[in-house]
């Protein structure tokens, strides 16, 4: 991976450290094939889980805010079947490996499609949610 990718992951790590009381790096690995950052953070009594994966072709992310294991905000772009079904209807099976930006709320009872998001976007949602 290039220097820009490393800087991207470092920016996420810096923002997490500025925003949360505890930041645990679960995995931070950069190779020529992919870059990976996994964090577990604590903010007051809530847990935050962050995953950012960058390959030569795509960027996958997963940002979750939990309270007592209940999902308050789950923002990701993994190929989630319900999200694919929402976007493509009956032809969702033809898209099973495509990243699809979406958000889970209300402990995964509510699902909406989104535009691609960043960790900064997620942090704004967390800030708005915690007001």
C-alpha atoms as a PDB file:
ATOM      1  CA  UNK A   1       0.000   0.000   0.000  1.00  0.00           C
ATOM      2  CA  UNK A   2       1.086   3.563  -0.543  1.00  0.00           C
ATOM      3  CA  UNK A   3       1.843   6.372   1.903  1.00  0.00           C
ATOM      4  CA  UNK A   4      -1.632   7.892   1.356  1.00  0.00           C
ATOM      5  CA  UNK A   5      -3.271   4.715   2.669  1.00  0.00           C
ATOM      6  CA  UNK A   6      -1.069   4.713   5.752  1.00  0.00           C
ATOM      7  CA  UNK A   7      -1.934   8.383   6.383  1.00  0.00           C
ATOM      8  CA  UNK A   8      -5.648   7.554   6.036  1.00  0.00           C
ATOM      9  CA  UNK A   9      -5.404   4.894   8.760  1.00  0.00           C
ATOM     10  CA  UNK A  10      -3.319   7.187  10.959  1.00  0.00           C
ATOM     11  CA  UNK A  11      -6.002   9.904  10.641  1.00  0.00           C
ATOM     12  CA  UNK A  12      -8.642   7.442  11.847  1.00  0.00           C
ATOM     13  CA  UNK A  13      -6.443   6.440  14.765  1.00  0.00           C
ATOM     14  CA  UNK A  14      -5.744  10.075  15.679  1.00  0.00           C
ATOM     15  CA  UNK A  15      -9.445  11.010  15.580  1.00  0.00           C
ATOM     16  CA  UNK A  16     -10.340   7.973  17.690  1.00  0.00           C
ATOM     17  CA  UNK A  17      -7.696   8.873  20.275  1.00  0.00           C
ATOM     18  CA  UNK A  18      -8.982  12.461  20.406  1.00  0.00           C
ATOM     19  CA  UNK A  19     -12.606  11.329  20.769  1.00  0.00           C
ATOM     20  CA  UNK A  20     -12.616   8.289  23.060  1.00  0.00           C
ATOM     21  CA  UNK A  21     -11.350   7.621  26.556  1.00  0.00           C
ATOM     22  CA  UNK A  22      -9.960   4.191  25.645  1.00  0.00           C
ATOM     23  CA  UNK A  23      -8.633   3.126  22.233  1.00  0.00           C
ATOM     24  CA  UNK A  24      -7.421  -0.449  21.853  1.00  0.00           C
ATOM     25  CA  UNK A  25      -5.733  -1.390  18.593  1.00  0.00           C
ATOM     26  CA  UNK A  26      -6.904  -4.915  17.795  1.00  0.00           C
ATOM     27  CA  UNK A  27      -5.074  -5.091  14.472  1.00  0.00           C
ATOM     28  CA  UNK A  28      -3.023  -2.661  12.433  1.00  0.00           C
ATOM     29  CA  UNK A  29      -1.458  -4.288   9.415  1.00  0.00           C
ATOM     30  CA  UNK A  30      -0.293  -2.861   6.121  1.00  0.00           C
ATOM     31  CA  UNK A  31       0.992  -5.059   3.317  1.00  0.00           C
ATOM     32  CA  UNK A  32       1.225  -4.628  -0.431  1.00  0.00           C
ATOM     33  CA  UNK A  33      -2.158  -6.364  -0.897  1.00  0.00           C
ATOM     34  CA  UNK A  34      -4.196  -4.586   1.755  1.00  0.00           C
ATOM     35  CA  UNK A  35      -4.251  -2.297   4.760  1.00  0.00           C
ATOM     36  CA  UNK A  36      -6.283  -3.148   7.861  1.00  0.00           C
ATOM     37  CA  UNK A  37      -7.145  -1.239  11.016  1.00  0.00           C
ATOM     38  CA  UNK A  38      -9.374  -2.687  13.755  1.00  0.00           C
ATOM     39  CA  UNK A  39     -10.117  -0.747  16.933  1.00  0.00           C
ATOM     40  CA  UNK A  40     -12.191  -1.212  20.044  1.00  0.00           C
ATOM     41  CA  UNK A  41     -12.920   2.070  21.794  1.00  0.00           C
ATOM     42  CA  UNK A  42     -14.812   3.160  24.871  1.00  0.00           C
ATOM     43  CA  UNK A  43     -16.815   6.344  25.244  1.00  0.00           C
ATOM     44  CA  UNK A  44     -18.486   6.671  28.634  1.00  0.00           C
ATOM     45  CA  UNK A  45     -20.503   3.441  28.932  1.00  0.00           C
ATOM     46  CA  UNK A  46     -20.641   2.735  25.188  1.00  0.00           C
ATOM     47  CA  UNK A  47     -18.380   0.588  23.019  1.00  0.00           C
ATOM     48  CA  UNK A  48     -17.214   1.565  19.555  1.00  0.00           C
ATOM     49  CA  UNK A  49     -15.866  -0.965  17.060  1.00  0.00           C
ATOM     50  CA  UNK A  50     -14.006   0.284  14.000  1.00  0.00           C
ATOM     51  CA  UNK A  51     -12.757  -1.689  11.008  1.00  0.00           C
ATOM     52  CA  UNK A  52     -11.203  -0.157   7.918  1.00  0.00           C
ATOM     53  CA  UNK A  53      -9.895  -2.374   5.083  1.00  0.00           C
ATOM     54  CA  UNK A  54      -8.288  -0.945   1.969  1.00  0.00           C
ATOM     55  CA  UNK A  55      -7.232  -3.029  -1.014  1.00  0.00           C
ATOM     56  CA  UNK A  56      -5.974  -2.043  -4.433  1.00  0.00           C
ATOM     57  CA  UNK A  57      -9.574  -2.036  -5.713  1.00  0.00           C
ATOM     58  CA  UNK A  58     -11.846  -1.038  -2.846  1.00  0.00           C
ATOM     59  CA  UNK A  59     -12.339   0.274   0.669  1.00  0.00           C
ATOM     60  CA  UNK A  60     -14.482  -1.555   3.193  1.00  0.00           C
ATOM     61  CA  UNK A  61     -15.460  -0.091   6.532  1.00  0.00           C
ATOM     62  CA  UNK A  62     -17.491  -0.973   9.584  1.00  0.00           C
ATOM     63  CA  UNK A  63     -18.177   1.532  12.376  1.00  0.00           C
ATOM     64  CA  UNK A  64     -20.459   0.474  15.227  1.00  0.00           C
ATOM     65  CA  UNK A  65     -21.654   2.213  18.408  1.00  0.00           C
ATOM     66  CA  UNK A  66     -23.051  -0.202  20.999  1.00  0.00           C
ATOM     67  CA  UNK A  67     -24.629   0.181  24.405  1.00  0.00           C
ATOM     68  CA  UNK A  68     -24.878  -3.008  26.451  1.00  0.00           C
ATOM     69  CA  UNK A  69     -24.375  -5.004  23.227  1.00  0.00           C
ATOM     70  CA  UNK A  70     -27.339  -3.268  21.565  1.00  0.00           C
ATOM     71  CA  UNK A  71     -26.444  -1.597  18.268  1.00  0.00           C
ATOM     72  CA  UNK A  72     -27.219   2.107  18.399  1.00  0.00           C
ATOM     73  CA  UNK A  73     -25.473   2.954  15.101  1.00  0.00           C
ATOM     74  CA  UNK A  74     -23.959   0.470  12.668  1.00  0.00           C
ATOM     75  CA  UNK A  75     -22.441   2.060   9.604  1.00  0.00           C
ATOM     76  CA  UNK A  76     -20.748  -0.146   7.023  1.00  0.00           C
ATOM     77  CA  UNK A  77     -20.416  -1.047   3.386  1.00  0.00           C
ATOM     78  CA  UNK A  78     -20.117  -4.808   3.583  1.00  0.00           C
ATOM     79  CA  UNK A  79     -22.257  -6.924   1.229  1.00  0.00           C
ATOM     80  CA  UNK A  80     -25.150  -7.240   3.662  1.00  0.00           C
ATOM     81  CA  UNK A  81     -27.971  -9.362   2.185  1.00  0.00           C
ATOM     82  CA  UNK A  82     -30.863  -7.262   3.543  1.00  0.00           C
ATOM     83  CA  UNK A  83     -29.195  -4.073   2.217  1.00  0.00           C
ATOM     84  CA  UNK A  84     -28.580  -5.704  -1.160  1.00  0.00           C
ATOM     85  CA  UNK A  85     -32.203  -6.883  -1.228  1.00  0.00           C
ATOM     86  CA  UNK A  86     -33.337  -3.333  -0.431  1.00  0.00           C
ATOM     87  CA  UNK A  87     -31.288  -1.903  -3.307  1.00  0.00           C
ATOM     88  CA  UNK A  88     -31.664  -4.613  -5.970  1.00  0.00           C
ATOM     89  CA  UNK A  89     -34.869  -6.414  -5.056  1.00  0.00           C
ATOM     90  CA  UNK A  90     -35.188  -9.897  -6.540  1.00  0.00           C
ATOM     91  CA  UNK A  91     -31.870  -9.613  -8.391  1.00  0.00           C
ATOM     92  CA  UNK A  92     -29.849  -9.089  -5.175  1.00  0.00           C
ATOM     93  CA  UNK A  93     -28.240 -12.530  -5.651  1.00  0.00           C
ATOM     94  CA  UNK A  94     -26.304 -11.183  -8.621  1.00  0.00           C
ATOM     95  CA  UNK A  95     -24.616  -8.647  -6.314  1.00  0.00           C
ATOM     96  CA  UNK A  96     -23.647 -10.780  -3.290  1.00  0.00           C
ATOM     97  CA  UNK A  97     -20.013  -9.660  -3.260  1.00  0.00           C
ATOM     98  CA  UNK A  98     -20.560  -5.942  -3.843  1.00  0.00           C
ATOM     99  CA  UNK A  99     -19.912  -3.454  -1.068  1.00  0.00           C
ATOM    100  CA  UNK A 100     -23.120  -1.583  -0.267  1.00  0.00           C
ATOM    101  CA  UNK A 101     -23.060   1.458   2.044  1.00  0.00           C
ATOM    102  CA  UNK A 102     -25.811   1.293   4.662  1.00  0.00           C
ATOM    103  CA  UNK A 103     -26.689   2.052   8.270  1.00  0.00           C
ATOM    104  CA  UNK A 104     -28.231  -0.143  10.952  1.00  0.00           C
ATOM    105  CA  UNK A 105     -30.062   1.492  13.850  1.00  0.00           C
ATOM    106  CA  UNK A 106     -32.451   0.416  16.600  1.00  0.00           C
ATOM    107  CA  UNK A 107     -30.409  -2.732  17.318  1.00  0.00           C
ATOM    108  CA  UNK A 108     -30.457  -3.700  13.634  1.00  0.00           C
ATOM    109  CA  UNK A 109     -34.240  -3.381  13.425  1.00  0.00           C
ATOM    110  CA  UNK A 110     -33.930  -0.451  11.014  1.00  0.00           C
ATOM    111  CA  UNK A 111     -31.803  -0.472   7.846  1.00  0.00           C
ATOM    112  CA  UNK A 112     -31.238   2.346   5.361  1.00  0.00           C
ATOM    113  CA  UNK A 113     -29.005   2.673   2.324  1.00  0.00           C
ATOM    114  CA  UNK A 114     -26.460   5.512   2.486  1.00  0.00           C
ATOM    115  CA  UNK A 115     -23.746   7.093   0.432  1.00  0.00           C
ATOM    116  CA  UNK A 116     -20.217   5.904   1.193  1.00  0.00           C
ATOM    117  CA  UNK A 117     -19.178   7.239   4.603  1.00  0.00           C
ATOM    118  CA  UNK A 118     -15.927   8.050   6.404  1.00  0.00           C
ATOM    119  CA  UNK A 119     -14.866   7.657  10.008  1.00  0.00           C
ATOM    120  CA  UNK A 120     -15.327  11.437  10.407  1.00  0.00           C
ATOM    121  CA  UNK A 121     -18.942  11.045   9.193  1.00  0.00           C
ATOM    122  CA  UNK A 122     -19.462   8.319  11.778  1.00  0.00           C
ATOM    123  CA  UNK A 123     -17.965  10.494  14.514  1.00  0.00           C
ATOM    124  CA  UNK A 124     -20.450  13.233  13.637  1.00  0.00           C
ATOM    125  CA  UNK A 125     -23.308  10.727  13.945  1.00  0.00           C
ATOM    126  CA  UNK A 126     -21.953   9.579  17.315  1.00  0.00           C
ATOM    127  CA  UNK A 127     -21.711  13.193  18.468  1.00  0.00           C
ATOM    128  CA  UNK A 128     -25.278  13.931  17.312  1.00  0.00           C
ATOM    129  CA  UNK A 129     -26.552  10.713  18.910  1.00  0.00           C
ATOM    130  CA  UNK A 130     -24.919  11.395  22.266  1.00  0.00           C
ATOM    131  CA  UNK A 131     -26.248  14.958  22.633  1.00  0.00           C
END
